[in-house]
C-alpha cells in the first residue's frame, strides 16, 4: 500500500495472524482510539469521521480480509486514490482506445536548485 510506505512502525498486514488473533473488542478499541505514535489515528469517540456502528463494520471487514476473493480485491482497488502518474496512464490508455496515437510516457519531473 503506497500510503503506508513511509510509516514507522510499518503498518501490519491486517489479514495476517497478528491482527486476526486480536479479539473483536481489541480491534474495535484500536479503531476507536488509534495507536499513539503511529500512523493509526483514532476514528471513534464522537469524531466526525465515524460512529461506533461504523467501527463494528470495520471489525467485520477485518475478519473477512483473510477470505477476500480476487473479485472483491479488484472491486476495492477501483476506489484506491490515484496519483498523477496513474491518472496520466489511464488518460493515455483512454486516448488510445478512442483511436488516438500511442503516446510515450513522460519522464518524471525533477526540481533542480
PDB file of N, CA and C in Angstrom:
ATOM      1  N   UNK A   1       0.843  -1.170   0.000  1.00  0.00           N
ATOM      2  CA  UNK A   1       0.000   0.000   0.000  1.00  0.00           C
ATOM      3  C   UNK A   1       0.891   1.237   0.000  1.00  0.00           C
ATOM      4  N   UNK A   2       0.838   2.063  -1.037  1.00  0.00           N
ATOM      5  CA  UNK A   2       1.717   3.215  -1.132  1.00  0.00           C
ATOM      6  C   UNK A   2       1.584   4.170   0.034  1.00  0.00           C
ATOM      7  N   UNK A   3       0.389   4.331   0.575  1.00  0.00           N
ATOM      8  CA  UNK A   3       0.167   5.285   1.643  1.00  0.00           C
ATOM      9  C   UNK A   3       0.989   4.948   2.894  1.00  0.00           C
ATOM     10  N   UNK A   4       1.203   3.683   3.158  1.00  0.00           N
ATOM     11  CA  UNK A   4       1.887   3.283   4.373  1.00  0.00           C
ATOM     12  C   UNK A   4       3.376   3.074   4.241  1.00  0.00           C
ATOM     13  N   UNK A   5       3.947   3.301   3.049  1.00  0.00           N
ATOM     14  CA  UNK A   5       5.370   3.007   2.834  1.00  0.00           C
ATOM     15  C   UNK A   5       6.291   3.738   3.794  1.00  0.00           C
ATOM     16  N   UNK A   6       6.025   5.020   4.056  1.00  0.00           N
ATOM     17  CA  UNK A   6       6.934   5.798   4.876  1.00  0.00           C
ATOM     18  C   UNK A   6       6.636   5.761   6.359  1.00  0.00           C
ATOM     19  N   UNK A   7       5.675   4.951   6.773  1.00  0.00           N
ATOM     20  CA  UNK A   7       5.302   4.937   8.186  1.00  0.00           C
ATOM     21  C   UNK A   7       6.262   4.088   9.011  1.00  0.00           C
ATOM     22  N   UNK A   8       6.504   4.552  10.219  1.00  0.00           N
ATOM     23  CA  UNK A   8       7.263   3.769  11.185  1.00  0.00           C
ATOM     24  C   UNK A   8       6.524   3.848  12.505  1.00  0.00           C
ATOM     25  N   UNK A   9       6.222   2.734  13.128  1.00  0.00           N
ATOM     26  CA  UNK A   9       6.491   1.393  12.632  1.00  0.00           C
ATOM     27  C   UNK A   9       5.638   1.063  11.415  1.00  0.00           C
ATOM     28  N   UNK A  10       6.113   0.100  10.646  1.00  0.00           N
ATOM     29  CA  UNK A  10       5.429  -0.329   9.431  1.00  0.00           C
ATOM     30  C   UNK A  10       4.020  -0.817   9.775  1.00  0.00           C
ATOM     31  N   UNK A  11       3.011  -0.448   8.962  1.00  0.00           N
ATOM     32  CA  UNK A  11       1.642  -0.919   9.226  1.00  0.00           C
ATOM     33  C   UNK A  11       1.567  -2.446   9.125  1.00  0.00           C
ATOM     34  N   UNK A  12       0.789  -3.076   9.986  1.00  0.00           N
ATOM     35  CA  UNK A  12       0.699  -4.542   9.950  1.00  0.00           C
ATOM     36  C   UNK A  12      -0.156  -5.018   8.776  1.00  0.00           C
ATOM     37  N   UNK A  13       0.034  -6.273   8.408  1.00  0.00           N
ATOM     38  CA  UNK A  13      -0.839  -6.927   7.432  1.00  0.00           C
ATOM     39  C   UNK A  13      -2.136  -7.224   8.176  1.00  0.00           C
ATOM     40  N   UNK A  14      -3.201  -6.522   7.819  1.00  0.00           N
ATOM     41  CA  UNK A  14      -4.456  -6.659   8.560  1.00  0.00           C
ATOM     42  C   UNK A  14      -5.106  -8.019   8.379  1.00  0.00           C
ATOM     43  N   UNK A  15      -4.710  -8.759   7.339  1.00  0.00           N
ATOM     44  CA  UNK A  15      -5.234 -10.111   7.167  1.00  0.00           C
ATOM     45  C   UNK A  15      -4.322 -11.135   7.831  1.00  0.00           C
ATOM     46  N   UNK A  16      -3.195 -10.683   8.370  1.00  0.00           N
ATOM     47  CA  UNK A  16      -2.201 -11.573   8.968  1.00  0.00           C
ATOM     48  C   UNK A  16      -2.589 -12.075  10.348  1.00  0.00           C
ATOM     49  N   UNK A  17      -1.833 -13.054  10.803  1.00  0.00           N
ATOM     50  CA  UNK A  17      -2.123 -13.738  12.069  1.00  0.00           C
ATOM     51  C   UNK A  17      -2.147 -12.795  13.259  1.00  0.00           C
ATOM     52  N   UNK A  18      -1.179 -11.865  13.322  1.00  0.00           N
ATOM     53  CA  UNK A  18      -1.108 -10.977  14.491  1.00  0.00           C
ATOM     54  C   UNK A  18      -2.410 -10.188  14.661  1.00  0.00           C
ATOM     55  N   UNK A  19      -2.906  -9.626  13.573  1.00  0.00           N
ATOM     56  CA  UNK A  19      -4.147  -8.854  13.644  1.00  0.00           C
ATOM     57  C   UNK A  19      -5.340  -9.766  13.874  1.00  0.00           C
ATOM     58  N   UNK A  20      -5.382 -10.886  13.178  1.00  0.00           N
ATOM     59  CA  UNK A  20      -6.538 -11.779  13.265  1.00  0.00           C
ATOM     60  C   UNK A  20      -6.639 -12.458  14.632  1.00  0.00           C
ATOM     61  N   UNK A  21      -5.533 -12.521  15.392  1.00  0.00           N
ATOM     62  CA  UNK A  21      -5.588 -13.118  16.732  1.00  0.00           C
ATOM     63  C   UNK A  21      -6.182 -12.162  17.766  1.00  0.00           C
ATOM     64  N   UNK A  22      -6.276 -10.875  17.429  1.00  0.00           N
ATOM     65  CA  UNK A  22      -6.878  -9.921  18.362  1.00  0.00           C
ATOM     66  C   UNK A  22      -8.371 -10.207  18.484  1.00  0.00           C
ATOM     67  N   UNK A  23      -8.937  -9.928  19.643  1.00  0.00           N
ATOM     68  CA  UNK A  23     -10.377 -10.120  19.819  1.00  0.00           C
ATOM     69  C   UNK A  23     -11.129  -9.011  19.079  1.00  0.00           C
ATOM     70  N   UNK A  24     -12.417  -9.224  18.845  1.00  0.00           N
ATOM     71  CA  UNK A  24     -13.237  -8.183  18.220  1.00  0.00           C
ATOM     72  C   UNK A  24     -13.193  -6.907  19.051  1.00  0.00           C
ATOM     73  N   UNK A  25     -13.240  -7.049  20.368  1.00  0.00           N
ATOM     74  CA  UNK A  25     -13.191  -5.885  21.250  1.00  0.00           C
ATOM     75  C   UNK A  25     -11.882  -5.127  21.128  1.00  0.00           C
ATOM     76  N   UNK A  26     -10.765  -5.861  20.997  1.00  0.00           N
ATOM     77  CA  UNK A  26      -9.467  -5.194  20.838  1.00  0.00           C
ATOM     78  C   UNK A  26      -9.403  -4.442  19.507  1.00  0.00           C
ATOM     79  N   UNK A  27      -9.905  -5.051  18.435  1.00  0.00           N
ATOM     80  CA  UNK A  27      -9.926  -4.371  17.136  1.00  0.00           C
ATOM     81  C   UNK A  27     -10.789  -3.108  17.205  1.00  0.00           C
ATOM     82  N   UNK A  28     -11.959  -3.232  17.835  1.00  0.00           N
ATOM     83  CA  UNK A  28     -12.859  -2.091  17.980  1.00  0.00           C
ATOM     84  C   UNK A  28     -12.152  -0.964  18.736  1.00  0.00           C
ATOM     85  N   UNK A  29     -11.478  -1.291  19.831  1.00  0.00           N
ATOM     86  CA  UNK A  29     -10.791  -0.292  20.641  1.00  0.00           C
ATOM     87  C   UNK A  29      -9.722   0.426  19.819  1.00  0.00           C
ATOM     88  N   UNK A  30      -8.954  -0.327  19.028  1.00  0.00           N
ATOM     89  CA  UNK A  30      -7.896   0.275  18.205  1.00  0.00           C
ATOM     90  C   UNK A  30      -8.504   1.213  17.171  1.00  0.00           C
ATOM     91  N   UNK A  31      -9.592   0.798  16.527  1.00  0.00           N
ATOM     92  CA  UNK A  31     -10.254   1.647  15.537  1.00  0.00           C
ATOM     93  C   UNK A  31     -10.759   2.927  16.202  1.00  0.00           C
ATOM     94  N   UNK A  32     -11.380   2.785  17.337  1.00  0.00           N
ATOM     95  CA  UNK A  32     -11.951   3.943  18.042  1.00  0.00           C
ATOM     96  C   UNK A  32     -10.883   4.883  18.600  1.00  0.00           C
ATOM     97  N   UNK A  33      -9.777   4.322  19.120  1.00  0.00           N
ATOM     98  CA  UNK A  33      -8.798   5.122  19.856  1.00  0.00           C
ATOM     99  C   UNK A  33      -7.479   5.348  19.138  1.00  0.00           C
ATOM    100  N   UNK A  34      -7.227   4.609  18.057  1.00  0.00           N
ATOM    101  CA  UNK A  34      -5.962   4.741  17.349  1.00  0.00           C
ATOM    102  C   UNK A  34      -4.821   4.104  18.116  1.00  0.00           C
ATOM    103  N   UNK A  35      -3.629   4.282  17.593  1.00  0.00           N
ATOM    104  CA  UNK A  35      -2.420   3.763  18.242  1.00  0.00           C
ATOM    105  C   UNK A  35      -1.437   4.928  18.310  1.00  0.00           C
ATOM    106  N   UNK A  36      -1.131   5.350  19.517  1.00  0.00           N
ATOM    107  CA  UNK A  36      -0.248   6.507  19.714  1.00  0.00           C
ATOM    108  C   UNK A  36       1.101   6.294  19.058  1.00  0.00           C
ATOM    109  N   UNK A  37       1.643   7.385  18.535  1.00  0.00           N
ATOM    110  CA  UNK A  37       2.971   7.426  17.925  1.00  0.00           C
ATOM    111  C   UNK A  37       3.091   6.553  16.679  1.00  0.00           C
ATOM    112  N   UNK A  38       1.964   6.311  16.010  1.00  0.00           N
ATOM    113  CA  UNK A  38       1.969   5.583  14.741  1.00  0.00           C
ATOM    114  C   UNK A  38       1.092   6.351  13.759  1.00  0.00           C
ATOM    115  N   UNK A  39       0.933   5.805  12.567  1.00  0.00           N
ATOM    116  CA  UNK A  39       0.076   6.427  11.564  1.00  0.00           C
ATOM    117  C   UNK A  39      -1.389   6.072  11.720  1.00  0.00           C
ATOM    118  N   UNK A  40      -1.758   5.370  12.817  1.00  0.00           N
ATOM    119  CA  UNK A  40      -3.144   4.941  13.016  1.00  0.00           C
ATOM    120  C   UNK A  40      -3.873   5.954  13.899  1.00  0.00           C
ATOM    121  N   UNK A  41      -4.690   6.839  13.286  1.00  0.00           N
ATOM    122  CA  UNK A  41      -5.431   7.820  14.087  1.00  0.00           C
ATOM    123  C   UNK A  41      -6.659   7.198  14.737  1.00  0.00           C
ATOM    124  N   UNK A  42      -7.221   7.909  15.689  1.00  0.00           N
ATOM    125  CA  UNK A  42      -8.482   7.493  16.316  1.00  0.00           C
ATOM    126  C   UNK A  42      -9.627   7.867  15.387  1.00  0.00           C
ATOM    127  N   UNK A  43     -10.590   6.961  15.228  1.00  0.00           N
ATOM    128  CA  UNK A  43     -11.750   7.240  14.394  1.00  0.00           C
ATOM    129  C   UNK A  43     -13.042   7.253  15.204  1.00  0.00           C
ATOM    130  N   UNK A  44     -12.972   7.047  16.491  1.00  0.00           N
ATOM    131  CA  UNK A  44     -14.177   6.988  17.304  1.00  0.00           C
ATOM    132  C   UNK A  44     -14.251   8.136  18.270  1.00  0.00           C
ATOM    133  N   UNK A  45     -14.916   7.870  19.393  1.00  0.00           N
ATOM    134  CA  UNK A  45     -15.008   8.856  20.453  1.00  0.00           C
ATOM    135  C   UNK A  45     -15.761  10.102  20.053  1.00  0.00           C
ATOM    136  N   UNK A  46     -16.796   9.912  19.221  1.00  0.00           N
ATOM    137  CA  UNK A  46     -17.588  11.060  18.817  1.00  0.00           C
ATOM    138  C   UNK A  46     -16.936  11.893  17.733  1.00  0.00           C
ATOM    139  N   UNK A  47     -15.908  11.348  17.073  1.00  0.00           N
ATOM    140  CA  UNK A  47     -15.285  12.118  15.998  1.00  0.00           C
ATOM    141  C   UNK A  47     -16.285  12.282  14.865  1.00  0.00           C
ATOM    142  N   UNK A  48     -16.015  13.253  14.022  1.00  0.00           N
ATOM    143  CA  UNK A  48     -16.905  13.500  12.886  1.00  0.00           C
ATOM    144  C   UNK A  48     -16.776  12.430  11.821  1.00  0.00           C
ATOM    145  N   UNK A  49     -15.763  11.578  11.909  1.00  0.00           N
ATOM    146  CA  UNK A  49     -15.483  10.621  10.849  1.00  0.00           C
ATOM    147  C   UNK A  49     -16.299   9.334  10.936  1.00  0.00           C
ATOM    148  N   UNK A  50     -16.630   8.880  12.113  1.00  0.00           N
ATOM    149  CA  UNK A  50     -17.260   7.566  12.206  1.00  0.00           C
ATOM    150  C   UNK A  50     -18.075   7.434  13.478  1.00  0.00           C
ATOM    151  N   UNK A  51     -18.988   6.464  13.437  1.00  0.00           N
ATOM    152  CA  UNK A  51     -19.784   6.134  14.610  1.00  0.00           C
ATOM    153  C   UNK A  51     -19.319   4.776  15.126  1.00  0.00           C
ATOM    154  N   UNK A  52     -19.796   4.392  16.287  1.00  0.00           N
ATOM    155  CA  UNK A  52     -19.471   3.065  16.822  1.00  0.00           C
ATOM    156  C   UNK A  52     -19.945   1.981  15.859  1.00  0.00           C
ATOM    157  N   UNK A  53     -21.093   2.202  15.224  1.00  0.00           N
ATOM    158  CA  UNK A  53     -21.599   1.227  14.250  1.00  0.00           C
ATOM    159  C   UNK A  53     -20.609   1.056  13.094  1.00  0.00           C
ATOM    160  N   UNK A  54     -20.029   2.179  12.617  1.00  0.00           N
ATOM    161  CA  UNK A  54     -19.038   2.106  11.550  1.00  0.00           C
ATOM    162  C   UNK A  54     -17.799   1.337  12.008  1.00  0.00           C
ATOM    163  N   UNK A  55     -17.401   1.543  13.255  1.00  0.00           N
ATOM    164  CA  UNK A  55     -16.233   0.822  13.782  1.00  0.00           C
ATOM    165  C   UNK A  55     -16.486  -0.678  13.821  1.00  0.00           C
ATOM    166  N   UNK A  56     -17.701  -1.082  14.217  1.00  0.00           N
ATOM    167  CA  UNK A  56     -18.033  -2.514  14.215  1.00  0.00           C
ATOM    168  C   UNK A  56     -18.055  -3.063  12.790  1.00  0.00           C
ATOM    169  N   UNK A  57     -18.481  -2.250  11.820  1.00  0.00           N
ATOM    170  CA  UNK A  57     -18.439  -2.681  10.413  1.00  0.00           C
ATOM    171  C   UNK A  57     -16.993  -2.930   9.982  1.00  0.00           C
ATOM    172  N   UNK A  58     -16.095  -2.062  10.440  1.00  0.00           N
ATOM    173  CA  UNK A  58     -14.677  -2.261  10.125  1.00  0.00           C
ATOM    174  C   UNK A  58     -14.138  -3.533  10.765  1.00  0.00           C
ATOM    175  N   UNK A  59     -14.558  -3.822  11.988  1.00  0.00           N
ATOM    176  CA  UNK A  59     -14.143  -5.079  12.640  1.00  0.00           C
ATOM    177  C   UNK A  59     -14.586  -6.256  11.781  1.00  0.00           C
ATOM    178  N   UNK A  60     -15.841  -6.260  11.328  1.00  0.00           N
ATOM    179  CA  UNK A  60     -16.331  -7.351  10.468  1.00  0.00           C
ATOM    180  C   UNK A  60     -15.537  -7.428   9.170  1.00  0.00           C
ATOM    181  N   UNK A  61     -15.193  -6.273   8.595  1.00  0.00           N
ATOM    182  CA  UNK A  61     -14.396  -6.246   7.368  1.00  0.00           C
ATOM    183  C   UNK A  61     -13.018  -6.853   7.618  1.00  0.00           C
ATOM    184  N   UNK A  62     -12.381  -6.475   8.726  1.00  0.00           N
ATOM    185  CA  UNK A  62     -11.065  -7.039   9.045  1.00  0.00           C
ATOM    186  C   UNK A  62     -11.127  -8.553   9.183  1.00  0.00           C
ATOM    187  N   UNK A  63     -12.197  -9.049   9.756  1.00  0.00           N
ATOM    188  CA  UNK A  63     -12.372 -10.501   9.903  1.00  0.00           C
ATOM    189  C   UNK A  63     -12.523 -11.190   8.544  1.00  0.00           C
ATOM    190  N   UNK A  64     -13.040 -10.465   7.562  1.00  0.00           N
ATOM    191  CA  UNK A  64     -13.265 -11.028   6.225  1.00  0.00           C
ATOM    192  C   UNK A  64     -11.993 -11.006   5.364  1.00  0.00           C
ATOM    193  N   UNK A  65     -11.022 -10.153   5.685  1.00  0.00           N
ATOM    194  CA  UNK A  65      -9.845  -9.995   4.841  1.00  0.00           C
ATOM    195  C   UNK A  65      -9.141 -11.301   4.470  1.00  0.00           C
ATOM    196  N   UNK A  66      -8.947 -12.245   5.400  1.00  0.00           N
ATOM    197  CA  UNK A  66      -8.251 -13.480   5.002  1.00  0.00           C
ATOM    198  C   UNK A  66      -8.999 -14.279   3.931  1.00  0.00           C
ATOM    199  N   UNK A  67     -10.303 -14.087   3.802  1.00  0.00           N
ATOM    200  CA  UNK A  67     -11.095 -14.815   2.812  1.00  0.00           C
ATOM    201  C   UNK A  67     -11.432 -13.955   1.587  1.00  0.00           C
ATOM    202  N   UNK A  68     -10.801 -12.802   1.455  1.00  0.00           N
ATOM    203  CA  UNK A  68     -11.101 -11.881   0.373  1.00  0.00           C
ATOM    204  C   UNK A  68     -10.883 -12.559  -0.981  1.00  0.00           C
ATOM    205  N   UNK A  69     -11.870 -12.478  -1.861  1.00  0.00           N
ATOM    206  CA  UNK A  69     -11.744 -13.084  -3.188  1.00  0.00           C
ATOM    207  C   UNK A  69     -11.022 -12.125  -4.127  1.00  0.00           C
ATOM    208  N   UNK A  70     -10.547 -12.636  -5.249  1.00  0.00           N
ATOM    209  CA  UNK A  70      -9.887 -11.809  -6.252  1.00  0.00           C
ATOM    210  C   UNK A  70     -10.850 -10.725  -6.732  1.00  0.00           C
ATOM    211  N   UNK A  71     -12.109 -11.099  -6.953  1.00  0.00           N
ATOM    212  CA  UNK A  71     -13.100 -10.132  -7.417  1.00  0.00           C
ATOM    213  C   UNK A  71     -13.302  -9.010  -6.404  1.00  0.00           C
ATOM    214  N   UNK A  72     -13.358  -9.362  -5.119  1.00  0.00           N
ATOM    215  CA  UNK A  72     -13.527  -8.341  -4.076  1.00  0.00           C
ATOM    216  C   UNK A  72     -12.317  -7.416  -4.036  1.00  0.00           C
ATOM    217  N   UNK A  73     -11.117  -7.986  -4.170  1.00  0.00           N
ATOM    218  CA  UNK A  73      -9.892  -7.179  -4.145  1.00  0.00           C
ATOM    219  C   UNK A  73      -9.885  -6.207  -5.331  1.00  0.00           C
ATOM    220  N   UNK A  74     -10.235  -6.690  -6.520  1.00  0.00           N
ATOM    221  CA  UNK A  74     -10.271  -5.822  -7.698  1.00  0.00           C
ATOM    222  C   UNK A  74     -11.309  -4.711  -7.532  1.00  0.00           C
ATOM    223  N   UNK A  75     -12.466  -5.049  -6.971  1.00  0.00           N
ATOM    224  CA  UNK A  75     -13.500  -4.041  -6.733  1.00  0.00           C
ATOM    225  C   UNK A  75     -12.991  -2.967  -5.773  1.00  0.00           C
ATOM    226  N   UNK A  76     -12.311  -3.378  -4.717  1.00  0.00           N
ATOM    227  CA  UNK A  76     -11.774  -2.419  -3.746  1.00  0.00           C
ATOM    228  C   UNK A  76     -10.700  -1.539  -4.380  1.00  0.00           C
ATOM    229  N   UNK A  77      -9.847  -2.128  -5.231  1.00  0.00           N
ATOM    230  CA  UNK A  77      -8.754  -1.368  -5.831  1.00  0.00           C
ATOM    231  C   UNK A  77      -9.267  -0.259  -6.746  1.00  0.00           C
ATOM    232  N   UNK A  78     -10.481  -0.412  -7.271  1.00  0.00           N
ATOM    233  CA  UNK A  78     -11.059   0.640  -8.113  1.00  0.00           C
ATOM    234  C   UNK A  78     -11.245   1.930  -7.325  1.00  0.00           C
ATOM    235  N   UNK A  79     -11.373   1.832  -6.016  1.00  0.00           N
ATOM    236  CA  UNK A  79     -11.633   3.007  -5.185  1.00  0.00           C
ATOM    237  C   UNK A  79     -10.372   3.575  -4.532  1.00  0.00           C
ATOM    238  N   UNK A  80      -9.206   2.963  -4.813  1.00  0.00           N
ATOM    239  CA  UNK A  80      -7.957   3.487  -4.256  1.00  0.00           C
ATOM    240  C   UNK A  80      -7.666   4.855  -4.852  1.00  0.00           C
ATOM    241  N   UNK A  81      -7.119   5.772  -4.052  1.00  0.00           N
ATOM    242  CA  UNK A  81      -6.746   7.077  -4.604  1.00  0.00           C
ATOM    243  C   UNK A  81      -5.675   6.904  -5.675  1.00  0.00           C
ATOM    244  N   UNK A  82      -5.719   7.749  -6.691  1.00  0.00           N
ATOM    245  CA  UNK A  82      -4.757   7.670  -7.783  1.00  0.00           C
ATOM    246  C   UNK A  82      -3.871   8.904  -7.772  1.00  0.00           C
ATOM    247  N   UNK A  83      -2.599   8.672  -8.048  1.00  0.00           N
ATOM    248  CA  UNK A  83      -1.648   9.762  -8.161  1.00  0.00           C
ATOM    249  C   UNK A  83      -1.615  10.285  -9.586  1.00  0.00           C
ATOM    250  N   UNK A  84      -0.849  11.339  -9.842  1.00  0.00           N
ATOM    251  CA  UNK A  84      -0.778  11.927 -11.185  1.00  0.00           C
ATOM    252  C   UNK A  84      -0.300  10.939 -12.248  1.00  0.00           C
ATOM    253  N   UNK A  85       0.651  10.069 -11.894  1.00  0.00           N
ATOM    254  CA  UNK A  85       1.157   9.094 -12.861  1.00  0.00           C
ATOM    255  C   UNK A  85       0.064   8.115 -13.264  1.00  0.00           C
ATOM    256  N   UNK A  86      -0.717   7.649 -12.278  1.00  0.00           N
ATOM    257  CA  UNK A  86      -1.810   6.720 -12.570  1.00  0.00           C
ATOM    258  C   UNK A  86      -2.856   7.375 -13.476  1.00  0.00           C
ATOM    259  N   UNK A  87      -3.198   8.630 -13.161  1.00  0.00           N
ATOM    260  CA  UNK A  87      -4.198   9.322 -13.976  1.00  0.00           C
ATOM    261  C   UNK A  87      -3.689   9.554 -15.396  1.00  0.00           C
ATOM    262  N   UNK A  88      -2.396   9.888 -15.539  1.00  0.00           N
ATOM    263  CA  UNK A  88      -1.821  10.103 -16.870  1.00  0.00           C
ATOM    264  C   UNK A  88      -1.823   8.802 -17.670  1.00  0.00           C
ATOM    265  N   UNK A  89      -1.492   7.692 -17.031  1.00  0.00           N
ATOM    266  CA  UNK A  89      -1.507   6.399 -17.719  1.00  0.00           C
ATOM    267  C   UNK A  89      -2.921   6.038 -18.158  1.00  0.00           C
ATOM    268  N   UNK A  90      -3.900   6.243 -17.284  1.00  0.00           N
ATOM    269  CA  UNK A  90      -5.290   5.972 -17.654  1.00  0.00           C
ATOM    270  C   UNK A  90      -5.728   6.844 -18.828  1.00  0.00           C
ATOM    271  N   UNK A  91      -5.297   8.113 -18.841  1.00  0.00           N
ATOM    272  CA  UNK A  91      -5.665   9.009 -19.941  1.00  0.00           C
ATOM    273  C   UNK A  91      -5.038   8.537 -21.240  1.00  0.00           C
ATOM    274  N   UNK A  92      -3.754   8.108 -21.221  1.00  0.00           N
ATOM    275  CA  UNK A  92      -3.113   7.585 -22.427  1.00  0.00           C
ATOM    276  C   UNK A  92      -3.857   6.357 -22.944  1.00  0.00           C
ATOM    277  N   UNK A  93      -4.253   5.460 -22.031  1.00  0.00           N
ATOM    278  CA  UNK A  93      -4.991   4.266 -22.433  1.00  0.00           C
ATOM    279  C   UNK A  93      -6.337   4.641 -23.053  1.00  0.00           C
ATOM    280  N   UNK A  94      -7.037   5.582 -22.421  1.00  0.00           N
ATOM    281  CA  UNK A  94      -8.342   6.007 -22.937  1.00  0.00           C
ATOM    282  C   UNK A  94      -8.197   6.661 -24.301  1.00  0.00           C
ATOM    283  N   UNK A  95      -7.185   7.530 -24.452  1.00  0.00           N
ATOM    284  CA  UNK A  95      -6.953   8.181 -25.735  1.00  0.00           C
ATOM    285  C   UNK A  95      -6.675   7.144 -26.817  1.00  0.00           C
ATOM    286  N   UNK A  96      -5.843   6.167 -26.498  1.00  0.00           N
ATOM    287  CA  UNK A  96      -5.512   5.117 -27.460  1.00  0.00           C
ATOM    288  C   UNK A  96      -6.752   4.302 -27.834  1.00  0.00           C
ATOM    289  N   UNK A  97      -7.559   3.941 -26.841  1.00  0.00           N
ATOM    290  CA  UNK A  97      -8.763   3.145 -27.100  1.00  0.00           C
ATOM    291  C   UNK A  97      -9.767   3.925 -27.945  1.00  0.00           C
ATOM    292  N   UNK A  98      -9.702   5.248 -27.888  1.00  0.00           N
ATOM    293  CA  UNK A  98     -10.600   6.085 -28.679  1.00  0.00           C
ATOM    294  C   UNK A  98      -9.992   6.483 -30.023  1.00  0.00           C
ATOM    295  N   UNK A  99      -8.926   5.776 -30.436  1.00  0.00           N
ATOM    296  CA  UNK A  99      -8.364   5.998 -31.768  1.00  0.00           C
ATOM    297  C   UNK A  99      -7.163   6.914 -31.818  1.00  0.00           C
ATOM    298  N   UNK A 100      -6.699   7.376 -30.693  1.00  0.00           N
ATOM    299  CA  UNK A 100      -5.534   8.255 -30.683  1.00  0.00           C
ATOM    300  C   UNK A 100      -4.246   7.479 -30.880  1.00  0.00           C
ATOM    301  N   UNK A 101      -3.210   8.166 -31.294  1.00  0.00           N
ATOM    302  CA  UNK A 101      -1.899   7.542 -31.461  1.00  0.00           C
ATOM    303  C   UNK A 101      -1.305   7.253 -30.084  1.00  0.00           C
ATOM    304  N   UNK A 102      -0.555   6.153 -29.955  1.00  0.00           N
ATOM    305  CA  UNK A 102       0.085   5.869 -28.656  1.00  0.00           C
ATOM    306  C   UNK A 102       1.032   7.002 -28.279  1.00  0.00           C
ATOM    307  N   UNK A 103       0.954   7.413 -27.054  1.00  0.00           N
ATOM    308  CA  UNK A 103       1.799   8.486 -26.548  1.00  0.00           C
ATOM    309  C   UNK A 103       2.851   7.896 -25.621  1.00  0.00           C
ATOM    310  N   UNK A 104       4.097   8.340 -25.756  1.00  0.00           N
ATOM    311  CA  UNK A 104       5.127   7.844 -24.833  1.00  0.00           C
ATOM    312  C   UNK A 104       4.877   8.382 -23.431  1.00  0.00           C
ATOM    313  N   UNK A 105       5.337   7.601 -22.463  1.00  0.00           N
ATOM    314  CA  UNK A 105       5.227   8.080 -21.080  1.00  0.00           C
ATOM    315  C   UNK A 105       6.184   9.237 -20.908  1.00  0.00           C
ATOM    316  N   UNK A 106       5.735  10.259 -20.218  1.00  0.00           N
ATOM    317  CA  UNK A 106       6.616  11.395 -19.984  1.00  0.00           C
ATOM    318  C   UNK A 106       7.570  11.062 -18.853  1.00  0.00           C
ATOM    319  N   UNK A 107       8.765  11.620 -18.955  1.00  0.00           N
ATOM    320  CA  UNK A 107       9.780  11.396 -17.922  1.00  0.00           C
ATOM    321  C   UNK A 107       9.354  12.113 -16.652  1.00  0.00           C
ATOM    322  N   UNK A 108       9.660  11.543 -15.486  1.00  0.00           N
ATOM    323  CA  UNK A 108       9.303  12.216 -14.240  1.00  0.00           C
ATOM    324  C   UNK A 108      10.013  13.569 -14.143  1.00  0.00           C
ATOM    325  N   UNK A 109       9.302  14.536 -13.612  1.00  0.00           N
ATOM    326  CA  UNK A 109       9.868  15.861 -13.458  1.00  0.00           C
ATOM    327  C   UNK A 109      10.646  15.929 -12.157  1.00  0.00           C
ATOM    328  N   UNK A 110      11.849  16.488 -12.229  1.00  0.00           N
ATOM    329  CA  UNK A 110      12.672  16.677 -11.040  1.00  0.00           C
ATOM    330  C   UNK A 110      12.978  18.166 -10.902  1.00  0.00           C
ATOM    331  N   UNK A 111      12.938  18.648  -9.705  1.00  0.00           N
ATOM    332  CA  UNK A 111      13.238  20.045  -9.452  1.00  0.00           C
ATOM    333  C   UNK A 111      14.708  20.154  -9.076  1.00  0.00           C
ATOM    334  N   UNK A 112      15.424  20.995  -9.808  1.00  0.00           N
ATOM    335  CA  UNK A 112      16.844  21.212  -9.511  1.00  0.00           C
ATOM    336  C   UNK A 112      17.006  22.604  -8.927  1.00  0.00           C
ATOM    337  N   UNK A 113      17.873  22.726  -7.976  1.00  0.00           N
ATOM    338  CA  UNK A 113      18.080  24.018  -7.333  1.00  0.00           C
ATOM    339  C   UNK A 113      19.402  24.588  -7.744  1.00  0.00           C
TER     340      UNK A 113
END
